[in-house]
C-alpha atoms as a PDB file:
ATOM      1  CA  UNK A   1      -8.882  32.379  11.077  1.00  0.00           C
ATOM      2  CA  UNK A   2      -8.568  28.329  10.250  1.00  0.00           C
ATOM      3  CA  UNK A   3      -5.364  27.291   7.975  1.00  0.00           C
ATOM      4  CA  UNK A   4      -4.957  24.017   6.051  1.00  0.00           C
ATOM      5  CA  UNK A   5      -1.583  22.083   7.655  1.00  0.00           C
ATOM      6  CA  UNK A   6       1.453  22.385   5.619  1.00  0.00           C
ATOM      7  CA  UNK A   7       3.307  19.110   4.057  1.00  0.00           C
ATOM      8  CA  UNK A   8       5.949  20.013   6.728  1.00  0.00           C
ATOM      9  CA  UNK A   9       3.453  20.419   9.785  1.00  0.00           C
ATOM     10  CA  UNK A  10       2.031  16.940   8.784  1.00  0.00           C
ATOM     11  CA  UNK A  11       5.626  15.742   8.422  1.00  0.00           C
ATOM     12  CA  UNK A  12       5.976  16.268  11.878  1.00  0.00           C
ATOM     13  CA  UNK A  13       2.596  14.900  12.971  1.00  0.00           C
ATOM     14  CA  UNK A  14       3.263  11.421  11.106  1.00  0.00           C
ATOM     15  CA  UNK A  15       6.275  11.375  13.317  1.00  0.00           C
ATOM     16  CA  UNK A  16       4.802  11.792  16.439  1.00  0.00           C
ATOM     17  CA  UNK A  17       2.811   8.789  15.672  1.00  0.00           C
ATOM     18  CA  UNK A  18       5.619   6.981  14.154  1.00  0.00           C
ATOM     19  CA  UNK A  19       7.028   7.249  17.764  1.00  0.00           C
ATOM     20  CA  UNK A  20       3.957   6.308  19.248  1.00  0.00           C
ATOM     21  CA  UNK A  21       4.049   2.667  17.956  1.00  0.00           C
ATOM     22  CA  UNK A  22       7.979   2.844  18.543  1.00  0.00           C
ATOM     23  CA  UNK A  23       9.421   1.956  15.202  1.00  0.00           C
ATOM     24  CA  UNK A  24      12.688   1.869  14.566  1.00  0.00           C
ATOM     25  CA  UNK A  25      15.234   2.316  11.770  1.00  0.00           C
ATOM     26  CA  UNK A  26      14.618   0.002   8.837  1.00  0.00           C
ATOM     27  CA  UNK A  27      11.073  -1.003   9.988  1.00  0.00           C
ATOM     28  CA  UNK A  28       7.927  -0.705   8.025  1.00  0.00           C
ATOM     29  CA  UNK A  29       5.692   1.627   9.550  1.00  0.00           C
ATOM     30  CA  UNK A  30       1.979   0.877  10.962  1.00  0.00           C
ATOM     31  CA  UNK A  31       0.437   3.094   7.731  1.00  0.00           C
ATOM     32  CA  UNK A  32      -2.872   2.029   8.867  1.00  0.00           C
ATOM     33  CA  UNK A  33      -2.545   2.570  12.647  1.00  0.00           C
ATOM     34  CA  UNK A  34      -1.118   5.907  12.184  1.00  0.00           C
ATOM     35  CA  UNK A  35      -3.921   6.897   9.628  1.00  0.00           C
ATOM     36  CA  UNK A  36      -6.197   6.074  12.329  1.00  0.00           C
ATOM     37  CA  UNK A  37      -4.753   8.019  14.868  1.00  0.00           C
ATOM     38  CA  UNK A  38      -4.374  11.088  12.629  1.00  0.00           C
ATOM     39  CA  UNK A  39      -8.262  11.301  11.514  1.00  0.00           C
ATOM     40  CA  UNK A  40      -8.823  11.001  15.236  1.00  0.00           C
ATOM     41  CA  UNK A  41      -6.890  13.618  15.557  1.00  0.00           C
ATOM     42  CA  UNK A  42      -9.026  16.053  12.666  1.00  0.00           C
ATOM     43  CA  UNK A  43      -6.413  15.426   9.964  1.00  0.00           C
ATOM     44  CA  UNK A  44      -7.886  14.672   6.426  1.00  0.00           C
ATOM     45  CA  UNK A  45      -6.826  11.893   3.952  1.00  0.00           C
ATOM     46  CA  UNK A  46      -5.344  14.330   2.003  1.00  0.00           C
ATOM     47  CA  UNK A  47      -3.332  16.044   4.732  1.00  0.00           C
ATOM     48  CA  UNK A  48      -1.854  12.644   6.000  1.00  0.00           C
ATOM     49  CA  UNK A  49      -0.861  11.533   2.467  1.00  0.00           C
ATOM     50  CA  UNK A  50       1.022  15.237   2.301  1.00  0.00           C
ATOM     51  CA  UNK A  51       2.849  14.861   5.320  1.00  0.00           C
ATOM     52  CA  UNK A  52       3.814  11.199   4.234  1.00  0.00           C
ATOM     53  CA  UNK A  53       5.050  12.434   0.550  1.00  0.00           C
ATOM     54  CA  UNK A  54       6.960  15.215   2.458  1.00  0.00           C
ATOM     55  CA  UNK A  55       8.503  12.665   4.831  1.00  0.00           C
ATOM     56  CA  UNK A  56       9.872  10.669   1.716  1.00  0.00           C
ATOM     57  CA  UNK A  57      11.205  13.663   0.090  1.00  0.00           C
ATOM     58  CA  UNK A  58      12.989  14.574   3.226  1.00  0.00           C
ATOM     59  CA  UNK A  59      14.641  10.889   3.003  1.00  0.00           C
ATOM     60  CA  UNK A  60      12.883   9.956   6.696  1.00  0.00           C
ATOM     61  CA  UNK A  61      10.649   7.358   5.201  1.00  0.00           C
ATOM     62  CA  UNK A  62      11.543   5.153   1.803  1.00  0.00           C
ATOM     63  CA  UNK A  63       9.355   2.867  -0.747  1.00  0.00           C
ATOM     64  CA  UNK A  64       5.684   2.281  -1.169  1.00  0.00           C
ATOM     65  CA  UNK A  65       6.223   0.296   2.322  1.00  0.00           C
ATOM     66  CA  UNK A  66       7.013   3.856   4.028  1.00  0.00           C
ATOM     67  CA  UNK A  67      10.391   2.279   5.768  1.00  0.00           C
ATOM     68  CA  UNK A  68      11.912   4.579   8.708  1.00  0.00           C
ATOM     69  CA  UNK A  69      14.963   5.658   7.978  1.00  0.00           C
ATOM     70  CA  UNK A  70      17.846   6.231  10.411  1.00  0.00           C
ATOM     71  CA  UNK A  71      17.305  10.081   9.808  1.00  0.00           C
ATOM     72  CA  UNK A  72      13.670   9.539  10.340  1.00  0.00           C
ATOM     73  CA  UNK A  73      14.452   7.975  13.436  1.00  0.00           C
ATOM     74  CA  UNK A  74      16.785  10.652  14.782  1.00  0.00           C
ATOM     75  CA  UNK A  75      13.744  13.248  13.609  1.00  0.00           C
ATOM     76  CA  UNK A  76      11.261  11.396  15.558  1.00  0.00           C
ATOM     77  CA  UNK A  77      10.209  13.933  18.647  1.00  0.00           C
END
């Protein structure tokens, strides 16, 4: 049975893509590139946004420019 991805699952997928772009702490993530890669993986815009929001709530990203924090860097796969 199909199920929708949770914000936590999307946060993990988002961090996988942050890792692909080799971002470091205090860098603004390549949100357009990450978005495009996640779309190609079959996710929808609202799913991706829920993952980004989750990561901001967890303190892994901050600000409107989605700056990677030290804790976000450590959480990357």
